[in-house]
Amino acid sequence: MAKRIRSGLKRRRQSIRRGVRNQAARSEVKTMVRKARGGQATAVKTAAKALDKAASKGILHKNAAARKKSRIMKAAAKSK
């Protein structure tokens, strides 16, 4: 049986904790983006802010966040 290195065990615990936190944040962003597809100005603004925040924290890649923002802005402009 392999030796259980303390630093490895700690990294595993941290990774699990961060994964759960990131999953929750990603889910929240997805919900906001879905609501913003309706084209309401407040929903679009909230979703854009959430995407920026997720990108700054490294939950989403910055280009992916920019792409999603662009698409919801485009949908909002089209619905007007």
C-alpha atoms as a PDB file:
ATOM      1  CA  MET A   1       0.000   0.000   0.000  1.00  0.00           C
ATOM      2  CA  ALA A   2       1.281   3.438  -0.904  1.00  0.00           C
ATOM      3  CA  LYS A   3       2.341   5.851   1.789  1.00  0.00           C
ATOM      4  CA  ARG A   4      -0.239   8.538   2.455  1.00  0.00           C
ATOM      5  CA  ILE A   5       1.568  11.830   2.252  1.00  0.00           C
ATOM      6  CA  ARG A   6      -0.013  14.550   4.380  1.00  0.00           C
ATOM      7  CA  SER A   7       0.386  17.276   1.768  1.00  0.00           C
ATOM      8  CA  GLY A   8      -1.318  15.032  -0.808  1.00  0.00           C
ATOM      9  CA  LEU A   9      -4.237  14.377   1.501  1.00  0.00           C
ATOM     10  CA  LYS A  10      -4.578  18.103   2.187  1.00  0.00           C
ATOM     11  CA  ARG A  11      -4.513  18.920  -1.541  1.00  0.00           C
ATOM     12  CA  ARG A  12      -7.261  16.351  -2.090  1.00  0.00           C
ATOM     13  CA  ARG A  13      -9.443  17.893   0.637  1.00  0.00           C
ATOM     14  CA  GLN A  14      -8.887  21.374  -0.792  1.00  0.00           C
ATOM     15  CA  SER A  15      -9.629  20.243  -4.308  1.00  0.00           C
ATOM     16  CA  ILE A  16     -12.912  18.617  -3.263  1.00  0.00           C
ATOM     17  CA  ARG A  17     -13.955  21.753  -1.345  1.00  0.00           C
ATOM     18  CA  ARG A  18     -13.076  24.045  -4.238  1.00  0.00           C
ATOM     19  CA  GLY A  19     -14.809  21.776  -6.732  1.00  0.00           C
ATOM     20  CA  VAL A  20     -18.068  21.931  -4.789  1.00  0.00           C
ATOM     21  CA  ARG A  21     -17.805  25.729  -4.473  1.00  0.00           C
ATOM     22  CA  ASN A  22     -17.003  26.152  -8.177  1.00  0.00           C
ATOM     23  CA  GLN A  23     -19.862  23.874  -9.210  1.00  0.00           C
ATOM     24  CA  ALA A  24     -22.334  25.933  -7.171  1.00  0.00           C
ATOM     25  CA  ALA A  25     -21.038  29.189  -8.657  1.00  0.00           C
ATOM     26  CA  ARG A  26     -21.104  27.795 -12.203  1.00  0.00           C
ATOM     27  CA  SER A  27     -24.676  26.613 -11.705  1.00  0.00           C
ATOM     28  CA  GLU A  28     -25.712  30.046 -10.415  1.00  0.00           C
ATOM     29  CA  VAL A  29     -24.145  31.739 -13.447  1.00  0.00           C
ATOM     30  CA  LYS A  30     -25.917  29.328 -15.808  1.00  0.00           C
ATOM     31  CA  THR A  31     -29.267  30.145 -14.166  1.00  0.00           C
ATOM     32  CA  MET A  32     -28.658  33.876 -14.514  1.00  0.00           C
ATOM     33  CA  VAL A  33     -27.675  33.500 -18.173  1.00  0.00           C
ATOM     34  CA  ARG A  34     -30.824  31.464 -18.818  1.00  0.00           C
ATOM     35  CA  LYS A  35     -32.975  34.198 -17.246  1.00  0.00           C
ATOM     36  CA  ALA A  36     -31.142  36.881 -19.238  1.00  0.00           C
ATOM     37  CA  ARG A  37     -32.027  35.191 -22.528  1.00  0.00           C
ATOM     38  CA  GLY A  38     -35.491  36.711 -22.090  1.00  0.00           C
ATOM     39  CA  GLY A  39     -33.939  40.090 -22.802  1.00  0.00           C
ATOM     40  CA  GLN A  40     -34.886  42.009 -19.650  1.00  0.00           C
ATOM     41  CA  ALA A  41     -32.332  44.754 -18.995  1.00  0.00           C
ATOM     42  CA  THR A  42     -31.930  43.985 -15.276  1.00  0.00           C
ATOM     43  CA  ALA A  43     -31.486  40.252 -15.883  1.00  0.00           C
ATOM     44  CA  VAL A  44     -28.895  40.923 -18.597  1.00  0.00           C
ATOM     45  CA  LYS A  45     -26.970  43.298 -16.330  1.00  0.00           C
ATOM     46  CA  THR A  46     -27.007  40.801 -13.441  1.00  0.00           C
ATOM     47  CA  ALA A  47     -25.864  37.949 -15.684  1.00  0.00           C
ATOM     48  CA  ALA A  48     -23.032  40.043 -17.144  1.00  0.00           C
ATOM     49  CA  LYS A  49     -21.831  40.934 -13.653  1.00  0.00           C
ATOM     50  CA  ALA A  50     -21.986  37.283 -12.546  1.00  0.00           C
ATOM     51  CA  LEU A  51     -20.032  36.174 -15.632  1.00  0.00           C
ATOM     52  CA  ASP A  52     -17.328  38.785 -14.971  1.00  0.00           C
ATOM     53  CA  LYS A  53     -17.067  37.730 -11.349  1.00  0.00           C
ATOM     54  CA  ALA A  54     -16.818  34.029 -12.260  1.00  0.00           C
ATOM     55  CA  ALA A  55     -14.120  34.807 -14.826  1.00  0.00           C
ATOM     56  CA  SER A  56     -12.107  36.864 -12.344  1.00  0.00           C
ATOM     57  CA  LYS A  57     -12.224  34.027  -9.804  1.00  0.00           C
ATOM     58  CA  GLY A  58     -11.160  31.465 -12.390  1.00  0.00           C
ATOM     59  CA  ILE A  59     -14.435  29.540 -12.323  1.00  0.00           C
ATOM     60  CA  LEU A  60     -15.010  30.289 -16.017  1.00  0.00           C
ATOM     61  CA  HIS A  61     -12.370  31.066 -18.620  1.00  0.00           C
ATOM     62  CA  LYS A  62     -12.337  34.786 -19.423  1.00  0.00           C
ATOM     63  CA  ASN A  63     -12.968  34.175 -23.140  1.00  0.00           C
ATOM     64  CA  ALA A  64     -15.905  31.867 -22.365  1.00  0.00           C
ATOM     65  CA  ALA A  65     -17.389  34.536 -20.090  1.00  0.00           C
ATOM     66  CA  ALA A  66     -16.902  37.193 -22.776  1.00  0.00           C
ATOM     67  CA  ARG A  67     -18.546  34.951 -25.378  1.00  0.00           C
ATOM     68  CA  LYS A  68     -21.567  34.289 -23.153  1.00  0.00           C
ATOM     69  CA  LYS A  69     -21.895  38.015 -22.348  1.00  0.00           C
ATOM     70  CA  SER A  70     -21.741  38.855 -26.034  1.00  0.00           C
ATOM     71  CA  ARG A  71     -24.450  36.347 -26.856  1.00  0.00           C
ATOM     72  CA  ILE A  72     -26.863  37.536 -24.165  1.00  0.00           C
ATOM     73  CA  MET A  73     -26.278  41.182 -25.169  1.00  0.00           C
ATOM     74  CA  LYS A  74     -26.971  40.259 -28.777  1.00  0.00           C
ATOM     75  CA  ALA A  75     -30.170  38.415 -27.791  1.00  0.00           C
ATOM     76  CA  ALA A  76     -31.267  41.391 -25.650  1.00  0.00           C
ATOM     77  CA  ALA A  77     -30.702  43.816 -28.549  1.00  0.00           C
ATOM     78  CA  LYS A  78     -32.599  41.542 -30.925  1.00  0.00           C
ATOM     79  CA  SER A  79     -35.621  41.253 -28.596  1.00  0.00           C
ATOM     80  CA  LYS A  80     -36.099  45.044 -28.395  1.00  0.00           C
END
